[in-house]
């Protein structure tokens, strides 16, 4: 996705009243992970998944150790309370986009390095179910679908397909990974024997260096395909 969960963007708009984070700052209102998706969301829509705290805890410990920083020094550089950082590394608390962004900047790593989960061979994220983190300053919710590995190249395609025969794809160059996001209709895609059916808003990633296919299951099917080359 092209928009990064940048703190400068998340400052747009006014903050809603809500819970307070462990460092005393106020958390966002309806746009929070448990708040139903923010302003303008459909009534009764499922709340997005909370970002698993154990991912954040493990990532923070890993990156802080790699940087050779103490809890106190990292907290100071990020401008947050040491107790907040200690809670996050202990897999507790309620981190906001701003807190995680400040920590990423202080550590000198991309935001995604703190929130990217371990990647299975085939991964599907259903619409509205991706691990998300909210702003504490505006109705803004960021869901990281995938982070680009160092040195990777990505090509982006917009594809249209109609029901009929499946498009069979031969293996691409070694190390290729495909990312697919459905915009309209339904599609069955993935490596041979591990295909999944996807609807609007669903995301899937899988190896592109093995035989795979795409098959439209509804008229007017459209999806975005990002092909990542090592």
C-alpha atoms as a PDB file:
ATOM      1  CA  UNK A   1       0.000   0.000   0.000  1.00  0.00           C
ATOM      2  CA  UNK A   2       1.265   3.428  -0.784  1.00  0.00           C
ATOM      3  CA  UNK A   3       0.318   5.325   2.366  1.00  0.00           C
ATOM      4  CA  UNK A   4       2.598   4.790   5.342  1.00  0.00           C
ATOM      5  CA  UNK A   5       1.150   5.115   8.863  1.00  0.00           C
ATOM      6  CA  UNK A   6       3.234   8.263   9.291  1.00  0.00           C
ATOM      7  CA  UNK A   7       2.813  10.203  12.466  1.00  0.00           C
ATOM      8  CA  UNK A   8       2.596  13.408  10.429  1.00  0.00           C
ATOM      9  CA  UNK A   9      -0.448  12.056   8.619  1.00  0.00           C
ATOM     10  CA  UNK A  10      -2.041  10.730  11.766  1.00  0.00           C
ATOM     11  CA  UNK A  11      -2.032  14.194  13.289  1.00  0.00           C
ATOM     12  CA  UNK A  12      -4.644  15.389  10.796  1.00  0.00           C
ATOM     13  CA  UNK A  13      -8.078  15.865  12.341  1.00  0.00           C
ATOM     14  CA  UNK A  14      -9.003  16.072  15.985  1.00  0.00           C
ATOM     15  CA  UNK A  15      -8.501  13.318  18.513  1.00  0.00           C
ATOM     16  CA  UNK A  16     -11.473  11.551  20.065  1.00  0.00           C
ATOM     17  CA  UNK A  17     -11.819  11.020  23.782  1.00  0.00           C
ATOM     18  CA  UNK A  18     -11.035   7.530  24.994  1.00  0.00           C
ATOM     19  CA  UNK A  19      -8.747   5.353  27.053  1.00  0.00           C
ATOM     20  CA  UNK A  20      -5.288   6.498  28.093  1.00  0.00           C
ATOM     21  CA  UNK A  21      -2.134   4.642  27.203  1.00  0.00           C
ATOM     22  CA  UNK A  22       0.323   3.547  29.899  1.00  0.00           C
ATOM     23  CA  UNK A  23       2.364   6.707  29.295  1.00  0.00           C
ATOM     24  CA  UNK A  24      -0.651   8.850  30.122  1.00  0.00           C
ATOM     25  CA  UNK A  25      -1.484   9.919  26.567  1.00  0.00           C
ATOM     26  CA  UNK A  26      -5.050   9.630  25.384  1.00  0.00           C
ATOM     27  CA  UNK A  27      -5.898   6.807  22.977  1.00  0.00           C
ATOM     28  CA  UNK A  28      -8.113   7.274  19.925  1.00  0.00           C
ATOM     29  CA  UNK A  29     -11.866   6.837  20.045  1.00  0.00           C
ATOM     30  CA  UNK A  30     -13.926   4.978  17.432  1.00  0.00           C
ATOM     31  CA  UNK A  31     -10.899   4.451  15.198  1.00  0.00           C
ATOM     32  CA  UNK A  32      -9.139   2.202  17.743  1.00  0.00           C
ATOM     33  CA  UNK A  33      -8.543  -1.489  17.232  1.00  0.00           C
ATOM     34  CA  UNK A  34     -11.622  -2.346  19.262  1.00  0.00           C
ATOM     35  CA  UNK A  35     -13.680   0.636  18.198  1.00  0.00           C
ATOM     36  CA  UNK A  36     -15.399  -0.738  15.116  1.00  0.00           C
ATOM     37  CA  UNK A  37     -13.266   0.820  12.382  1.00  0.00           C
ATOM     38  CA  UNK A  38     -13.549   4.582  12.864  1.00  0.00           C
ATOM     39  CA  UNK A  39     -15.843   7.243  11.411  1.00  0.00           C
ATOM     40  CA  UNK A  40     -18.076   6.371   8.534  1.00  0.00           C
ATOM     41  CA  UNK A  41     -17.686   2.613   9.021  1.00  0.00           C
ATOM     42  CA  UNK A  42     -20.676   0.415   8.199  1.00  0.00           C
ATOM     43  CA  UNK A  43     -23.021  -0.264  11.061  1.00  0.00           C
ATOM     44  CA  UNK A  44     -22.331  -3.603  12.666  1.00  0.00           C
ATOM     45  CA  UNK A  45     -18.986  -4.019  10.899  1.00  0.00           C
ATOM     46  CA  UNK A  46     -16.583  -6.382  12.609  1.00  0.00           C
ATOM     47  CA  UNK A  47     -13.889  -4.655  14.639  1.00  0.00           C
ATOM     48  CA  UNK A  48     -10.390  -5.102  13.166  1.00  0.00           C
ATOM     49  CA  UNK A  49      -8.072  -7.450  14.983  1.00  0.00           C
ATOM     50  CA  UNK A  50      -5.908  -6.073  17.758  1.00  0.00           C
ATOM     51  CA  UNK A  51      -2.248  -6.044  16.844  1.00  0.00           C
ATOM     52  CA  UNK A  52      -0.814  -9.045  18.758  1.00  0.00           C
ATOM     53  CA  UNK A  53       1.347  -7.633  21.538  1.00  0.00           C
ATOM     54  CA  UNK A  54       3.735 -10.571  21.504  1.00  0.00           C
ATOM     55  CA  UNK A  55       4.807  -9.582  17.957  1.00  0.00           C
ATOM     56  CA  UNK A  56       5.583  -6.068  19.140  1.00  0.00           C
ATOM     57  CA  UNK A  57       7.340  -7.276  22.288  1.00  0.00           C
ATOM     58  CA  UNK A  58       9.608  -9.674  20.394  1.00  0.00           C
ATOM     59  CA  UNK A  59      10.367  -7.086  17.704  1.00  0.00           C
ATOM     60  CA  UNK A  60      11.199  -4.352  20.219  1.00  0.00           C
ATOM     61  CA  UNK A  61      13.534  -6.613  22.202  1.00  0.00           C
ATOM     62  CA  UNK A  62      15.217  -7.794  19.006  1.00  0.00           C
ATOM     63  CA  UNK A  63      15.747  -4.312  17.557  1.00  0.00           C
ATOM     64  CA  UNK A  64      16.772  -2.740  20.881  1.00  0.00           C
ATOM     65  CA  UNK A  65      19.343  -5.495  21.447  1.00  0.00           C
ATOM     66  CA  UNK A  66      20.614  -5.103  17.892  1.00  0.00           C
ATOM     67  CA  UNK A  67      21.001  -1.353  18.455  1.00  0.00           C
ATOM     68  CA  UNK A  68      22.749  -1.889  21.792  1.00  0.00           C
ATOM     69  CA  UNK A  69      20.342   0.382  23.684  1.00  0.00           C
ATOM     70  CA  UNK A  70      19.086   0.108  27.236  1.00  0.00           C
ATOM     71  CA  UNK A  71      15.405   0.514  28.091  1.00  0.00           C
ATOM     72  CA  UNK A  72      16.118   3.957  29.508  1.00  0.00           C
ATOM     73  CA  UNK A  73      18.097   5.151  26.483  1.00  0.00           C
ATOM     74  CA  UNK A  74      15.537   3.951  23.934  1.00  0.00           C
ATOM     75  CA  UNK A  75      12.659   5.461  25.908  1.00  0.00           C
ATOM     76  CA  UNK A  76      14.528   8.764  26.100  1.00  0.00           C
ATOM     77  CA  UNK A  77      15.257   8.821  22.362  1.00  0.00           C
ATOM     78  CA  UNK A  78      11.635   7.990  21.546  1.00  0.00           C
ATOM     79  CA  UNK A  79      10.250  10.531  24.005  1.00  0.00           C
ATOM     80  CA  UNK A  80       8.133   8.038  25.919  1.00  0.00           C
ATOM     81  CA  UNK A  81       8.108   6.835  29.508  1.00  0.00           C
ATOM     82  CA  UNK A  82      10.463   3.994  30.401  1.00  0.00           C
ATOM     83  CA  UNK A  83       7.522   2.225  32.056  1.00  0.00           C
ATOM     84  CA  UNK A  84       5.630   2.328  28.731  1.00  0.00           C
ATOM     85  CA  UNK A  85       8.519   0.700  26.900  1.00  0.00           C
ATOM     86  CA  UNK A  86       8.922  -1.878  29.650  1.00  0.00           C
ATOM     87  CA  UNK A  87       5.233  -2.783  29.373  1.00  0.00           C
ATOM     88  CA  UNK A  88       5.435  -3.088  25.599  1.00  0.00           C
ATOM     89  CA  UNK A  89       8.463  -5.403  25.813  1.00  0.00           C
ATOM     90  CA  UNK A  90       6.474  -7.394  28.360  1.00  0.00           C
ATOM     91  CA  UNK A  91       3.636  -7.805  25.821  1.00  0.00           C
ATOM     92  CA  UNK A  92       1.197  -5.543  27.668  1.00  0.00           C
ATOM     93  CA  UNK A  93      -0.130  -2.020  27.228  1.00  0.00           C
ATOM     94  CA  UNK A  94      -2.030  -0.471  24.329  1.00  0.00           C
ATOM     95  CA  UNK A  95       0.459   1.029  21.826  1.00  0.00           C
ATOM     96  CA  UNK A  96      -0.666   3.687  19.360  1.00  0.00           C
ATOM     97  CA  UNK A  97       0.683   4.494  15.894  1.00  0.00           C
ATOM     98  CA  UNK A  98       2.503   7.498  17.387  1.00  0.00           C
ATOM     99  CA  UNK A  99       4.239   5.461  20.101  1.00  0.00           C
ATOM    100  CA  UNK A 100       5.349   2.711  17.710  1.00  0.00           C
ATOM    101  CA  UNK A 101       6.422   5.228  15.080  1.00  0.00           C
ATOM    102  CA  UNK A 102       8.545   7.116  17.617  1.00  0.00           C
ATOM    103  CA  UNK A 103      10.191   3.856  18.700  1.00  0.00           C
ATOM    104  CA  UNK A 104      10.892   2.856  15.087  1.00  0.00           C
ATOM    105  CA  UNK A 105      12.520   6.224  14.395  1.00  0.00           C
ATOM    106  CA  UNK A 106      14.605   5.982  17.575  1.00  0.00           C
ATOM    107  CA  UNK A 107      15.738   2.484  16.570  1.00  0.00           C
ATOM    108  CA  UNK A 108      16.423   3.500  12.979  1.00  0.00           C
ATOM    109  CA  UNK A 109      14.150   0.822  11.507  1.00  0.00           C
ATOM    110  CA  UNK A 110      10.991   0.939   9.355  1.00  0.00           C
ATOM    111  CA  UNK A 111       7.653   1.016  11.189  1.00  0.00           C
ATOM    112  CA  UNK A 112       6.895  -2.374   9.659  1.00  0.00           C
ATOM    113  CA  UNK A 113       9.879  -3.934  11.466  1.00  0.00           C
ATOM    114  CA  UNK A 114       7.970  -3.614  14.752  1.00  0.00           C
ATOM    115  CA  UNK A 115       4.600  -4.939  13.602  1.00  0.00           C
ATOM    116  CA  UNK A 116       5.252  -7.411  10.756  1.00  0.00           C
ATOM    117  CA  UNK A 117       4.213 -10.932  11.880  1.00  0.00           C
ATOM    118  CA  UNK A 118       6.122 -14.116  11.047  1.00  0.00           C
ATOM    119  CA  UNK A 119       5.128 -15.020   7.471  1.00  0.00           C
ATOM    120  CA  UNK A 120       3.742 -18.501   6.689  1.00  0.00           C
ATOM    121  CA  UNK A 121       4.107 -20.025   3.215  1.00  0.00           C
ATOM    122  CA  UNK A 122       0.583 -18.889   2.273  1.00  0.00           C
ATOM    123  CA  UNK A 123      -1.077 -16.055   4.169  1.00  0.00           C
ATOM    124  CA  UNK A 124      -4.647 -14.741   3.798  1.00  0.00           C
ATOM    125  CA  UNK A 125      -6.000 -11.611   5.505  1.00  0.00           C
ATOM    126  CA  UNK A 126      -9.772 -11.199   5.199  1.00  0.00           C
ATOM    127  CA  UNK A 127     -11.225  -7.716   4.746  1.00  0.00           C
ATOM    128  CA  UNK A 128     -11.389  -5.916   8.096  1.00  0.00           C
ATOM    129  CA  UNK A 129      -9.480  -8.654   9.940  1.00  0.00           C
ATOM    130  CA  UNK A 130      -5.869  -7.603   9.523  1.00  0.00           C
ATOM    131  CA  UNK A 131      -3.825  -6.737  12.628  1.00  0.00           C
ATOM    132  CA  UNK A 132      -4.302  -2.999  13.054  1.00  0.00           C
ATOM    133  CA  UNK A 133      -3.001  -0.147  15.167  1.00  0.00           C
ATOM    134  CA  UNK A 134      -4.881   3.115  15.748  1.00  0.00           C
ATOM    135  CA  UNK A 135      -3.875   6.734  16.073  1.00  0.00           C
ATOM    136  CA  UNK A 136      -4.451   8.519  19.356  1.00  0.00           C
ATOM    137  CA  UNK A 137      -4.847  11.864  17.580  1.00  0.00           C
ATOM    138  CA  UNK A 138      -7.323  11.169  14.748  1.00  0.00           C
ATOM    139  CA  UNK A 139      -9.777   8.536  13.423  1.00  0.00           C
ATOM    140  CA  UNK A 140      -6.991   6.761  11.552  1.00  0.00           C
ATOM    141  CA  UNK A 141      -6.385   3.011  11.465  1.00  0.00           C
ATOM    142  CA  UNK A 142      -3.336   1.422   9.824  1.00  0.00           C
ATOM    143  CA  UNK A 143      -3.213  -2.222   8.767  1.00  0.00           C
ATOM    144  CA  UNK A 144       0.145  -3.500   7.553  1.00  0.00           C
ATOM    145  CA  UNK A 145      -0.443  -6.195   4.957  1.00  0.00           C
ATOM    146  CA  UNK A 146       3.183  -6.777   4.017  1.00  0.00           C
ATOM    147  CA  UNK A 147       6.553  -5.104   4.364  1.00  0.00           C
ATOM    148  CA  UNK A 148       9.102  -5.092   1.544  1.00  0.00           C
ATOM    149  CA  UNK A 149      12.236  -7.052   2.469  1.00  0.00           C
ATOM    150  CA  UNK A 150      15.592  -5.281   2.039  1.00  0.00           C
ATOM    151  CA  UNK A 151      16.739  -5.246  -1.574  1.00  0.00           C
ATOM    152  CA  UNK A 152      13.416  -6.481  -2.960  1.00  0.00           C
ATOM    153  CA  UNK A 153      11.834  -5.150  -6.165  1.00  0.00           C
ATOM    154  CA  UNK A 154       8.086  -4.974  -6.667  1.00  0.00           C
ATOM    155  CA  UNK A 155       5.913  -4.747  -9.782  1.00  0.00           C
ATOM    156  CA  UNK A 156       2.244  -3.744  -9.386  1.00  0.00           C
ATOM    157  CA  UNK A 157      -0.530  -4.974 -11.692  1.00  0.00           C
ATOM    158  CA  UNK A 158      -4.263  -4.206 -11.881  1.00  0.00           C
ATOM    159  CA  UNK A 159      -6.048  -7.283 -13.232  1.00  0.00           C
ATOM    160  CA  UNK A 160      -9.568  -7.928 -14.517  1.00  0.00           C
ATOM    161  CA  UNK A 161     -10.947 -11.431 -14.919  1.00  0.00           C
ATOM    162  CA  UNK A 162     -14.226 -13.142 -15.794  1.00  0.00           C
ATOM    163  CA  UNK A 163     -15.507 -16.608 -14.857  1.00  0.00           C
ATOM    164  CA  UNK A 164     -14.333 -19.399 -17.137  1.00  0.00           C
ATOM    165  CA  UNK A 165     -11.068 -21.268 -17.230  1.00  0.00           C
ATOM    166  CA  UNK A 166      -8.386 -20.630 -14.639  1.00  0.00           C
ATOM    167  CA  UNK A 167      -5.222 -18.747 -15.591  1.00  0.00           C
ATOM    168  CA  UNK A 168      -2.394 -21.197 -14.942  1.00  0.00           C
ATOM    169  CA  UNK A 169       0.960 -19.548 -14.227  1.00  0.00           C
ATOM    170  CA  UNK A 170       4.312 -21.257 -14.512  1.00  0.00           C
ATOM    171  CA  UNK A 171       6.883 -20.610 -11.737  1.00  0.00           C
ATOM    172  CA  UNK A 172       8.523 -17.184 -11.903  1.00  0.00           C
ATOM    173  CA  UNK A 173      12.191 -16.527 -11.114  1.00  0.00           C
ATOM    174  CA  UNK A 174      13.444 -17.994  -7.799  1.00  0.00           C
ATOM    175  CA  UNK A 175      12.532 -15.917  -4.773  1.00  0.00           C
ATOM    176  CA  UNK A 176       9.410 -14.362  -6.328  1.00  0.00           C
ATOM    177  CA  UNK A 177       6.549 -13.675  -3.893  1.00  0.00           C
ATOM    178  CA  UNK A 178       3.092 -12.530  -4.980  1.00  0.00           C
ATOM    179  CA  UNK A 179       0.677 -10.310  -3.022  1.00  0.00           C
ATOM    180  CA  UNK A 180      -2.967 -10.192  -4.127  1.00  0.00           C
ATOM    181  CA  UNK A 181      -5.709  -7.800  -2.950  1.00  0.00           C
ATOM    182  CA  UNK A 182      -9.251  -8.180  -4.307  1.00  0.00           C
ATOM    183  CA  UNK A 183     -11.160  -5.025  -5.252  1.00  0.00           C
ATOM    184  CA  UNK A 184     -14.379  -6.506  -6.705  1.00  0.00           C
ATOM    185  CA  UNK A 185     -15.894  -9.921  -7.382  1.00  0.00           C
ATOM    186  CA  UNK A 186     -14.330 -13.139  -6.172  1.00  0.00           C
ATOM    187  CA  UNK A 187     -11.173 -14.980  -7.166  1.00  0.00           C
ATOM    188  CA  UNK A 188      -9.621 -18.340  -6.367  1.00  0.00           C
ATOM    189  CA  UNK A 189      -5.849 -18.039  -6.374  1.00  0.00           C
ATOM    190  CA  UNK A 190      -2.627 -19.423  -4.962  1.00  0.00           C
ATOM    191  CA  UNK A 191      -0.112 -22.243  -5.393  1.00  0.00           C
ATOM    192  CA  UNK A 192      -1.381 -25.548  -6.785  1.00  0.00           C
ATOM    193  CA  UNK A 193      -3.040 -27.451  -3.958  1.00  0.00           C
ATOM    194  CA  UNK A 194      -3.121 -24.433  -1.622  1.00  0.00           C
ATOM    195  CA  UNK A 195      -5.572 -22.130  -3.410  1.00  0.00           C
ATOM    196  CA  UNK A 196      -7.928 -19.900  -1.425  1.00  0.00           C
ATOM    197  CA  UNK A 197     -11.150 -18.090  -2.355  1.00  0.00           C
ATOM    198  CA  UNK A 198     -10.996 -14.338  -1.803  1.00  0.00           C
ATOM    199  CA  UNK A 199     -13.589 -11.567  -1.813  1.00  0.00           C
ATOM    200  CA  UNK A 200     -13.449  -7.752  -1.875  1.00  0.00           C
ATOM    201  CA  UNK A 201     -10.838  -6.420   0.544  1.00  0.00           C
ATOM    202  CA  UNK A 202      -9.219  -9.814   1.157  1.00  0.00           C
ATOM    203  CA  UNK A 203      -5.430 -10.101   0.939  1.00  0.00           C
ATOM    204  CA  UNK A 204      -3.260 -13.121   0.204  1.00  0.00           C
ATOM    205  CA  UNK A 205       0.462 -13.722  -0.234  1.00  0.00           C
ATOM    206  CA  UNK A 206       2.234 -16.823  -1.503  1.00  0.00           C
ATOM    207  CA  UNK A 207       5.335 -18.017  -3.347  1.00  0.00           C
ATOM    208  CA  UNK A 208       5.344 -17.128  -7.019  1.00  0.00           C
ATOM    209  CA  UNK A 209       8.260 -19.411  -7.895  1.00  0.00           C
ATOM    210  CA  UNK A 210       6.006 -22.484  -7.839  1.00  0.00           C
ATOM    211  CA  UNK A 211       3.059 -23.318 -10.147  1.00  0.00           C
ATOM    212  CA  UNK A 212       0.040 -21.163  -9.239  1.00  0.00           C
ATOM    213  CA  UNK A 213      -3.247 -19.976 -10.721  1.00  0.00           C
ATOM    214  CA  UNK A 214      -5.961 -17.308 -10.732  1.00  0.00           C
ATOM    215  CA  UNK A 215      -9.627 -18.057 -11.433  1.00  0.00           C
ATOM    216  CA  UNK A 216     -12.472 -15.506 -11.394  1.00  0.00           C
ATOM    217  CA  UNK A 217     -15.551 -16.824  -9.577  1.00  0.00           C
ATOM    218  CA  UNK A 218     -17.817 -13.819 -10.247  1.00  0.00           C
ATOM    219  CA  UNK A 219     -18.376 -11.415 -13.166  1.00  0.00           C
ATOM    220  CA  UNK A 220     -16.396  -8.187 -13.059  1.00  0.00           C
ATOM    221  CA  UNK A 221     -13.653  -9.550 -10.819  1.00  0.00           C
ATOM    222  CA  UNK A 222     -10.797  -7.087 -10.299  1.00  0.00           C
ATOM    223  CA  UNK A 223      -7.713  -7.399  -8.149  1.00  0.00           C
ATOM    224  CA  UNK A 224      -4.321  -5.831  -7.607  1.00  0.00           C
ATOM    225  CA  UNK A 225      -1.311  -8.109  -7.926  1.00  0.00           C
ATOM    226  CA  UNK A 226       2.046  -7.064  -6.507  1.00  0.00           C
ATOM    227  CA  UNK A 227       4.917  -9.235  -7.715  1.00  0.00           C
ATOM    228  CA  UNK A 228       7.984  -9.057  -5.488  1.00  0.00           C
ATOM    229  CA  UNK A 229      11.366 -10.104  -6.830  1.00  0.00           C
ATOM    230  CA  UNK A 230      14.370 -10.767  -4.615  1.00  0.00           C
END
